[in-house]
């Protein structure tokens, strides 16, 4: 673990910034998706901007239906791409893995847009019915 500095945040600040609960952040730590970069003298988890960025990747993947294993796989691929010592051949394979996740995310976004459009149509149908049949409640 690293040393404590002004660049570190405690879990409460990370939770506020990522809009994830403390419990969720701890769960992601237990499953190996993110680990605090340091601990305070009192044993409190301390996180960096890079840790927050990892949590944001996970937060964005979750509503798209990616599993914890898929999240872990993508984070590993990105970590290896960021490593200057990654061989060119390995980089090609890693980039293809990331592309596959991008394609999956794009497909899921399209499906969600259809669901959202249907939900908006339904809400409009109800609103139209209420406007036609009676005054709105305050």
N, C-alpha and C. Protein backbone atom coordinates (compact mmCIF):
# COMPACT_ATOMS: atom_id res chain seq x y z
N UNK A 1 0.83 -1.18 0.00
CA UNK A 1 0.00 0.00 0.00
C UNK A 1 0.88 1.24 0.00
N UNK A 2 0.40 2.30 -0.60
CA UNK A 2 1.15 3.54 -0.69
C UNK A 2 1.12 4.32 0.61
N UNK A 3 1.75 5.48 0.58
CA UNK A 3 1.77 6.33 1.75
C UNK A 3 0.62 7.32 1.66
N UNK A 4 0.23 7.85 2.82
CA UNK A 4 -0.87 8.80 2.89
C UNK A 4 -0.40 10.15 2.39
N UNK A 5 -1.21 10.79 1.54
CA UNK A 5 -0.89 12.13 1.06
C UNK A 5 -2.18 12.90 0.88
N UNK A 6 -2.06 14.17 0.52
CA UNK A 6 -3.24 15.00 0.31
C UNK A 6 -4.00 14.55 -0.94
N UNK A 7 -3.40 13.70 -1.75
CA UNK A 7 -4.05 13.21 -2.96
C UNK A 7 -4.99 12.05 -2.67
N UNK A 8 -4.99 11.54 -1.45
CA UNK A 8 -5.83 10.42 -1.08
C UNK A 8 -7.17 10.89 -0.53
N UNK A 9 -8.20 10.09 -0.77
CA UNK A 9 -9.54 10.36 -0.29
C UNK A 9 -10.00 9.19 0.56
N UNK A 10 -10.80 9.49 1.56
CA UNK A 10 -11.40 8.41 2.33
C UNK A 10 -12.63 7.89 1.60
N UNK A 11 -13.09 6.74 2.01
CA UNK A 11 -14.16 6.04 1.30
C UNK A 11 -15.44 6.88 1.21
N UNK A 12 -15.73 7.70 2.22
CA UNK A 12 -16.94 8.53 2.19
C UNK A 12 -16.90 9.53 1.05
N UNK A 13 -15.76 10.15 0.83
CA UNK A 13 -15.62 11.10 -0.27
C UNK A 13 -15.72 10.38 -1.61
N UNK A 14 -15.12 9.20 -1.69
CA UNK A 14 -15.20 8.40 -2.92
C UNK A 14 -16.65 8.02 -3.20
N UNK A 15 -17.37 7.63 -2.16
CA UNK A 15 -18.78 7.27 -2.32
C UNK A 15 -19.58 8.46 -2.84
N UNK A 16 -19.34 9.63 -2.30
CA UNK A 16 -20.05 10.82 -2.75
C UNK A 16 -19.71 11.14 -4.21
N UNK A 17 -18.46 11.03 -4.56
CA UNK A 17 -18.03 11.36 -5.92
C UNK A 17 -18.52 10.37 -6.96
N UNK A 18 -18.61 9.10 -6.58
CA UNK A 18 -19.01 8.06 -7.54
C UNK A 18 -20.50 7.74 -7.47
N UNK A 19 -21.18 8.26 -6.45
CA UNK A 19 -22.58 7.94 -6.20
C UNK A 19 -22.79 6.45 -5.98
N UNK A 20 -21.79 5.81 -5.37
CA UNK A 20 -21.88 4.42 -4.96
C UNK A 20 -21.93 4.38 -3.44
N UNK A 21 -22.61 3.39 -2.89
CA UNK A 21 -22.67 3.27 -1.44
C UNK A 21 -21.34 2.74 -0.90
N UNK A 22 -21.10 2.98 0.38
CA UNK A 22 -19.91 2.44 1.04
C UNK A 22 -19.91 0.92 0.91
N UNK A 23 -21.07 0.34 1.09
CA UNK A 23 -21.18 -1.13 1.01
C UNK A 23 -20.79 -1.63 -0.38
N UNK A 24 -21.25 -0.93 -1.42
CA UNK A 24 -20.93 -1.33 -2.80
C UNK A 24 -19.43 -1.21 -3.05
N UNK A 25 -18.83 -0.13 -2.60
CA UNK A 25 -17.38 0.05 -2.78
C UNK A 25 -16.62 -1.06 -2.08
N UNK A 26 -17.04 -1.38 -0.86
CA UNK A 26 -16.38 -2.48 -0.14
C UNK A 26 -16.57 -3.81 -0.86
N UNK A 27 -17.77 -4.02 -1.43
CA UNK A 27 -18.03 -5.25 -2.19
C UNK A 27 -17.10 -5.33 -3.40
N UNK A 28 -16.95 -4.22 -4.10
CA UNK A 28 -16.06 -4.21 -5.26
C UNK A 28 -14.61 -4.47 -4.85
N UNK A 29 -14.25 -4.03 -3.66
CA UNK A 29 -12.91 -4.34 -3.15
C UNK A 29 -12.79 -5.85 -2.88
N UNK A 30 -13.81 -6.42 -2.24
CA UNK A 30 -13.79 -7.85 -1.91
C UNK A 30 -13.73 -8.72 -3.16
N UNK A 31 -14.34 -8.26 -4.24
CA UNK A 31 -14.36 -9.04 -5.48
C UNK A 31 -13.16 -8.74 -6.38
N UNK A 32 -12.28 -7.85 -5.94
CA UNK A 32 -11.05 -7.59 -6.67
C UNK A 32 -11.16 -6.58 -7.80
N UNK A 33 -12.26 -5.84 -7.86
CA UNK A 33 -12.41 -4.85 -8.93
C UNK A 33 -11.60 -3.59 -8.66
N UNK A 34 -11.53 -3.20 -7.41
CA UNK A 34 -10.77 -2.01 -7.03
C UNK A 34 -10.22 -2.24 -5.63
N UNK A 35 -9.06 -1.71 -5.39
CA UNK A 35 -8.46 -1.80 -4.07
C UNK A 35 -7.99 -0.42 -3.66
N UNK A 36 -8.15 -0.07 -2.39
CA UNK A 36 -7.63 1.22 -1.96
C UNK A 36 -6.13 1.27 -2.18
N UNK A 37 -5.66 2.42 -2.58
CA UNK A 37 -4.23 2.58 -2.86
C UNK A 37 -3.39 2.68 -1.60
N UNK A 38 -4.05 3.00 -0.49
CA UNK A 38 -3.31 3.15 0.77
C UNK A 38 -4.27 2.95 1.92
N UNK A 39 -3.69 2.92 3.10
CA UNK A 39 -4.45 2.88 4.35
C UNK A 39 -3.91 3.97 5.25
N UNK A 40 -4.80 4.58 6.00
CA UNK A 40 -4.36 5.59 6.96
C UNK A 40 -3.72 4.89 8.15
N UNK A 41 -3.10 5.66 9.01
CA UNK A 41 -2.51 5.06 10.22
C UNK A 41 -3.55 4.35 11.04
N UNK A 42 -4.78 4.84 10.97
CA UNK A 42 -5.88 4.21 11.70
C UNK A 42 -6.52 3.06 10.96
N UNK A 43 -6.01 2.73 9.77
CA UNK A 43 -6.51 1.60 9.00
C UNK A 43 -7.64 1.92 8.03
N UNK A 44 -7.95 3.21 7.88
CA UNK A 44 -9.02 3.58 6.95
C UNK A 44 -8.54 3.44 5.51
N UNK A 45 -9.45 3.03 4.66
CA UNK A 45 -9.15 2.91 3.23
C UNK A 45 -8.91 4.30 2.65
N UNK A 46 -7.89 4.42 1.81
CA UNK A 46 -7.58 5.68 1.13
C UNK A 46 -7.48 5.42 -0.36
N UNK A 47 -8.12 6.29 -1.13
CA UNK A 47 -8.23 6.10 -2.57
C UNK A 47 -7.62 7.28 -3.32
N UNK A 48 -7.20 7.02 -4.55
CA UNK A 48 -6.64 8.06 -5.43
C UNK A 48 -7.64 8.33 -6.56
N UNK A 49 -7.31 9.31 -7.38
CA UNK A 49 -8.12 9.61 -8.56
C UNK A 49 -8.21 8.39 -9.48
N UNK A 50 -7.13 7.65 -9.59
CA UNK A 50 -7.13 6.44 -10.43
C UNK A 50 -8.12 5.40 -9.88
N UNK A 51 -8.19 5.28 -8.57
CA UNK A 51 -9.15 4.36 -7.95
C UNK A 51 -10.59 4.80 -8.25
N UNK A 52 -10.82 6.12 -8.17
CA UNK A 52 -12.14 6.66 -8.48
C UNK A 52 -12.49 6.38 -9.94
N UNK A 53 -11.52 6.54 -10.83
CA UNK A 53 -11.75 6.28 -12.26
C UNK A 53 -12.14 4.82 -12.47
N UNK A 54 -11.49 3.90 -11.77
CA UNK A 54 -11.84 2.47 -11.89
C UNK A 54 -13.26 2.24 -11.42
N UNK A 55 -13.63 2.84 -10.30
CA UNK A 55 -14.99 2.68 -9.79
C UNK A 55 -16.01 3.25 -10.76
N UNK A 56 -15.67 4.33 -11.43
CA UNK A 56 -16.59 4.92 -12.41
C UNK A 56 -16.78 3.98 -13.61
N UNK A 57 -15.73 3.28 -14.01
CA UNK A 57 -15.87 2.29 -15.09
C UNK A 57 -16.87 1.23 -14.65
N UNK A 58 -16.70 0.74 -13.45
CA UNK A 58 -17.59 -0.30 -12.92
C UNK A 58 -19.01 0.24 -12.83
N UNK A 59 -19.16 1.45 -12.32
CA UNK A 59 -20.49 2.05 -12.18
C UNK A 59 -21.18 2.19 -13.53
N UNK A 60 -20.42 2.51 -14.54
CA UNK A 60 -21.00 2.67 -15.89
C UNK A 60 -21.31 1.33 -16.55
N UNK A 61 -20.57 0.30 -16.20
CA UNK A 61 -20.80 -1.02 -16.80
C UNK A 61 -22.01 -1.72 -16.18
N UNK A 62 -22.23 -1.50 -14.90
CA UNK A 62 -23.27 -2.22 -14.17
C UNK A 62 -24.65 -2.10 -14.81
N UNK A 63 -25.15 -0.88 -15.10
CA UNK A 63 -26.50 -0.81 -15.68
C UNK A 63 -26.60 -1.36 -17.10
N UNK A 64 -25.47 -1.62 -17.71
CA UNK A 64 -25.46 -2.20 -19.06
C UNK A 64 -25.46 -3.73 -19.01
N UNK A 65 -25.49 -4.28 -17.79
CA UNK A 65 -25.63 -5.72 -17.64
C UNK A 65 -24.34 -6.51 -17.66
N UNK A 66 -23.19 -5.83 -17.57
CA UNK A 66 -21.92 -6.56 -17.54
C UNK A 66 -21.76 -7.25 -16.19
N UNK A 67 -21.21 -8.45 -16.22
CA UNK A 67 -20.97 -9.21 -14.99
C UNK A 67 -19.70 -8.70 -14.29
N UNK A 68 -19.53 -9.10 -13.04
CA UNK A 68 -18.31 -8.74 -12.31
C UNK A 68 -17.08 -9.29 -13.02
N UNK A 69 -17.18 -10.50 -13.57
CA UNK A 69 -16.04 -11.07 -14.29
C UNK A 69 -15.70 -10.25 -15.53
N UNK A 70 -16.74 -9.78 -16.24
CA UNK A 70 -16.49 -8.94 -17.41
C UNK A 70 -15.87 -7.61 -17.01
N UNK A 71 -16.35 -7.04 -15.92
CA UNK A 71 -15.78 -5.79 -15.43
C UNK A 71 -14.30 -5.98 -15.10
N UNK A 72 -14.02 -7.07 -14.40
CA UNK A 72 -12.64 -7.38 -14.02
C UNK A 72 -11.77 -7.57 -15.26
N UNK A 73 -12.29 -8.27 -16.27
CA UNK A 73 -11.56 -8.53 -17.49
C UNK A 73 -11.26 -7.22 -18.23
N UNK A 74 -12.23 -6.34 -18.34
CA UNK A 74 -12.00 -5.06 -19.01
C UNK A 74 -10.98 -4.23 -18.25
N UNK A 75 -11.11 -4.15 -16.94
CA UNK A 75 -10.15 -3.37 -16.14
C UNK A 75 -8.74 -3.92 -16.29
N UNK A 76 -8.63 -5.25 -16.31
CA UNK A 76 -7.32 -5.87 -16.49
C UNK A 76 -6.74 -5.51 -17.86
N UNK A 77 -7.57 -5.56 -18.89
CA UNK A 77 -7.10 -5.22 -20.24
C UNK A 77 -6.64 -3.77 -20.30
N UNK A 78 -7.41 -2.87 -19.71
CA UNK A 78 -7.04 -1.46 -19.72
C UNK A 78 -5.75 -1.24 -18.92
N UNK A 79 -5.63 -1.91 -17.78
CA UNK A 79 -4.40 -1.79 -16.97
C UNK A 79 -3.19 -2.25 -17.78
N UNK A 80 -3.34 -3.36 -18.49
CA UNK A 80 -2.22 -3.88 -19.28
C UNK A 80 -1.90 -2.96 -20.46
N UNK A 81 -2.92 -2.34 -21.05
CA UNK A 81 -2.68 -1.38 -22.12
C UNK A 81 -1.92 -0.15 -21.60
N UNK A 82 -2.21 0.23 -20.37
CA UNK A 82 -1.53 1.38 -19.78
C UNK A 82 -0.09 1.09 -19.39
N UNK A 83 0.26 -0.18 -19.33
CA UNK A 83 1.61 -0.59 -18.96
C UNK A 83 2.54 -0.41 -20.17
N UNK A 84 3.55 0.43 -20.01
CA UNK A 84 4.48 0.70 -21.11
C UNK A 84 5.23 -0.54 -21.57
N UNK A 85 5.30 -1.57 -20.74
CA UNK A 85 6.05 -2.77 -21.10
C UNK A 85 5.25 -3.80 -21.87
N UNK A 86 4.01 -3.48 -22.25
CA UNK A 86 3.18 -4.44 -22.97
C UNK A 86 3.70 -4.61 -24.39
N UNK A 87 3.90 -5.85 -24.78
CA UNK A 87 4.42 -6.16 -26.12
C UNK A 87 3.41 -5.77 -27.19
N UNK A 88 3.89 -5.39 -28.38
CA UNK A 88 2.98 -4.97 -29.46
C UNK A 88 1.92 -6.01 -29.80
N UNK A 89 2.29 -7.27 -29.86
CA UNK A 89 1.32 -8.32 -30.18
C UNK A 89 0.24 -8.44 -29.12
N UNK A 90 0.65 -8.30 -27.87
CA UNK A 90 -0.31 -8.36 -26.77
C UNK A 90 -1.24 -7.14 -26.82
N UNK A 91 -0.70 -5.98 -27.18
CA UNK A 91 -1.51 -4.77 -27.29
C UNK A 91 -2.64 -4.95 -28.30
N UNK A 92 -2.35 -5.61 -29.40
CA UNK A 92 -3.37 -5.86 -30.43
C UNK A 92 -4.51 -6.68 -29.83
N UNK A 93 -4.16 -7.74 -29.11
CA UNK A 93 -5.17 -8.61 -28.49
C UNK A 93 -5.96 -7.84 -27.43
N UNK A 94 -5.28 -7.03 -26.64
CA UNK A 94 -5.96 -6.25 -25.60
C UNK A 94 -6.90 -5.23 -26.21
N UNK A 95 -6.47 -4.57 -27.26
CA UNK A 95 -7.32 -3.59 -27.93
C UNK A 95 -8.57 -4.26 -28.51
N UNK A 96 -8.44 -5.46 -29.01
CA UNK A 96 -9.60 -6.18 -29.53
C UNK A 96 -10.57 -6.52 -28.39
N UNK A 97 -10.04 -6.90 -27.23
CA UNK A 97 -10.91 -7.15 -26.07
C UNK A 97 -11.68 -5.90 -25.70
N UNK A 98 -11.00 -4.76 -25.67
CA UNK A 98 -11.66 -3.49 -25.33
C UNK A 98 -12.71 -3.16 -26.39
N UNK A 99 -12.37 -3.37 -27.67
CA UNK A 99 -13.33 -3.13 -28.76
C UNK A 99 -14.59 -3.99 -28.59
N UNK A 100 -14.41 -5.22 -28.17
CA UNK A 100 -15.56 -6.11 -27.97
C UNK A 100 -16.47 -5.56 -26.87
N UNK A 101 -15.88 -5.04 -25.80
CA UNK A 101 -16.69 -4.42 -24.74
C UNK A 101 -17.38 -3.17 -25.24
N UNK A 102 -16.69 -2.39 -26.07
CA UNK A 102 -17.31 -1.18 -26.62
C UNK A 102 -18.49 -1.55 -27.49
N UNK A 103 -18.36 -2.59 -28.29
CA UNK A 103 -19.48 -3.04 -29.15
C UNK A 103 -20.65 -3.51 -28.29
N UNK A 104 -20.36 -4.28 -27.26
CA UNK A 104 -21.42 -4.76 -26.37
C UNK A 104 -22.13 -3.59 -25.69
N UNK A 105 -21.35 -2.61 -25.23
CA UNK A 105 -21.94 -1.45 -24.57
C UNK A 105 -22.83 -0.68 -25.54
N UNK A 106 -22.36 -0.50 -26.76
CA UNK A 106 -23.14 0.23 -27.77
C UNK A 106 -24.45 -0.50 -28.07
N UNK A 107 -24.39 -1.81 -28.18
CA UNK A 107 -25.60 -2.60 -28.43
C UNK A 107 -26.59 -2.47 -27.27
N UNK A 108 -26.07 -2.53 -26.05
CA UNK A 108 -26.95 -2.43 -24.88
C UNK A 108 -27.55 -1.03 -24.78
N UNK A 109 -26.79 0.01 -25.10
CA UNK A 109 -27.32 1.37 -25.10
C UNK A 109 -28.48 1.47 -26.09
N UNK A 110 -28.33 0.87 -27.26
CA UNK A 110 -29.41 0.89 -28.26
C UNK A 110 -30.66 0.21 -27.71
N UNK A 111 -30.49 -0.93 -27.05
CA UNK A 111 -31.64 -1.62 -26.46
C UNK A 111 -32.29 -0.76 -25.38
N UNK A 112 -31.48 -0.11 -24.57
CA UNK A 112 -32.03 0.74 -23.52
C UNK A 112 -32.77 1.95 -24.09
N UNK A 113 -32.28 2.48 -25.20
CA UNK A 113 -32.99 3.61 -25.85
C UNK A 113 -34.38 3.18 -26.31
N UNK A 114 -34.49 1.97 -26.84
CA UNK A 114 -35.80 1.46 -27.25
C UNK A 114 -36.70 1.33 -26.03
N UNK A 115 -36.18 0.77 -24.94
CA UNK A 115 -36.98 0.62 -23.72
C UNK A 115 -37.40 1.99 -23.19
N UNK A 116 -36.50 2.96 -23.20
CA UNK A 116 -36.82 4.29 -22.73
C UNK A 116 -37.90 4.93 -23.59
N UNK A 117 -37.81 4.79 -24.90
CA UNK A 117 -38.82 5.35 -25.80
C UNK A 117 -40.19 4.73 -25.51
N UNK A 118 -40.21 3.43 -25.27
CA UNK A 118 -41.48 2.77 -24.95
C UNK A 118 -42.04 3.26 -23.62
N UNK A 119 -41.17 3.45 -22.64
CA UNK A 119 -41.60 3.95 -21.34
C UNK A 119 -42.14 5.38 -21.46
N UNK A 120 -41.47 6.20 -22.26
CA UNK A 120 -41.93 7.58 -22.46
C UNK A 120 -43.28 7.60 -23.17
N UNK A 121 -43.47 6.72 -24.15
CA UNK A 121 -44.76 6.61 -24.84
C UNK A 121 -45.85 6.21 -23.86
N UNK A 122 -45.55 5.28 -22.99
CA UNK A 122 -46.52 4.82 -22.00
C UNK A 122 -46.88 5.96 -21.05
N UNK A 123 -45.88 6.69 -20.55
CA UNK A 123 -46.15 7.81 -19.65
C UNK A 123 -46.99 8.87 -20.34
N UNK A 124 -46.72 9.14 -21.60
CA UNK A 124 -47.49 10.11 -22.36
C UNK A 124 -48.94 9.64 -22.53
N UNK A 125 -49.13 8.35 -22.79
CA UNK A 125 -50.48 7.79 -22.92
C UNK A 125 -51.27 8.01 -21.62
N UNK A 126 -50.63 7.74 -20.49
CA UNK A 126 -51.30 7.94 -19.20
C UNK A 126 -51.60 9.42 -18.96
N UNK A 127 -50.62 10.28 -19.26
CA UNK A 127 -50.79 11.72 -19.07
C UNK A 127 -51.95 12.23 -19.93
N UNK A 128 -52.02 11.77 -21.18
CA UNK A 128 -53.08 12.18 -22.09
C UNK A 128 -54.44 11.73 -21.54
N UNK A 129 -54.49 10.53 -21.03
CA UNK A 129 -55.73 10.01 -20.45
C UNK A 129 -56.16 10.84 -19.25
N UNK A 130 -55.23 11.16 -18.38
CA UNK A 130 -55.56 11.96 -17.20
C UNK A 130 -55.98 13.37 -17.58
N UNK A 131 -55.30 13.97 -18.55
CA UNK A 131 -55.66 15.31 -19.00
C UNK A 131 -57.07 15.33 -19.60
N UNK A 132 -57.41 14.26 -20.27
CA UNK A 132 -58.73 14.18 -20.93
C UNK A 132 -59.84 13.94 -19.91
N UNK A 133 -59.58 13.13 -18.89
CA UNK A 133 -60.63 12.67 -17.99
C UNK A 133 -60.72 13.41 -16.66
N UNK A 134 -59.79 14.28 -16.38
CA UNK A 134 -59.93 14.97 -15.10
C UNK A 134 -58.77 15.88 -14.81
N UNK A 135 -58.98 16.76 -13.85
CA UNK A 135 -57.89 17.71 -13.49
C UNK A 135 -56.75 16.98 -12.79
N UNK A 136 -55.58 17.55 -12.96
CA UNK A 136 -54.38 17.00 -12.31
C UNK A 136 -54.36 17.36 -10.84
N UNK A 137 -53.75 16.46 -10.05
CA UNK A 137 -53.58 16.76 -8.63
C UNK A 137 -52.39 17.67 -8.46
N UNK A 138 -52.45 18.48 -7.43
CA UNK A 138 -51.35 19.43 -7.16
C UNK A 138 -50.20 18.76 -6.47
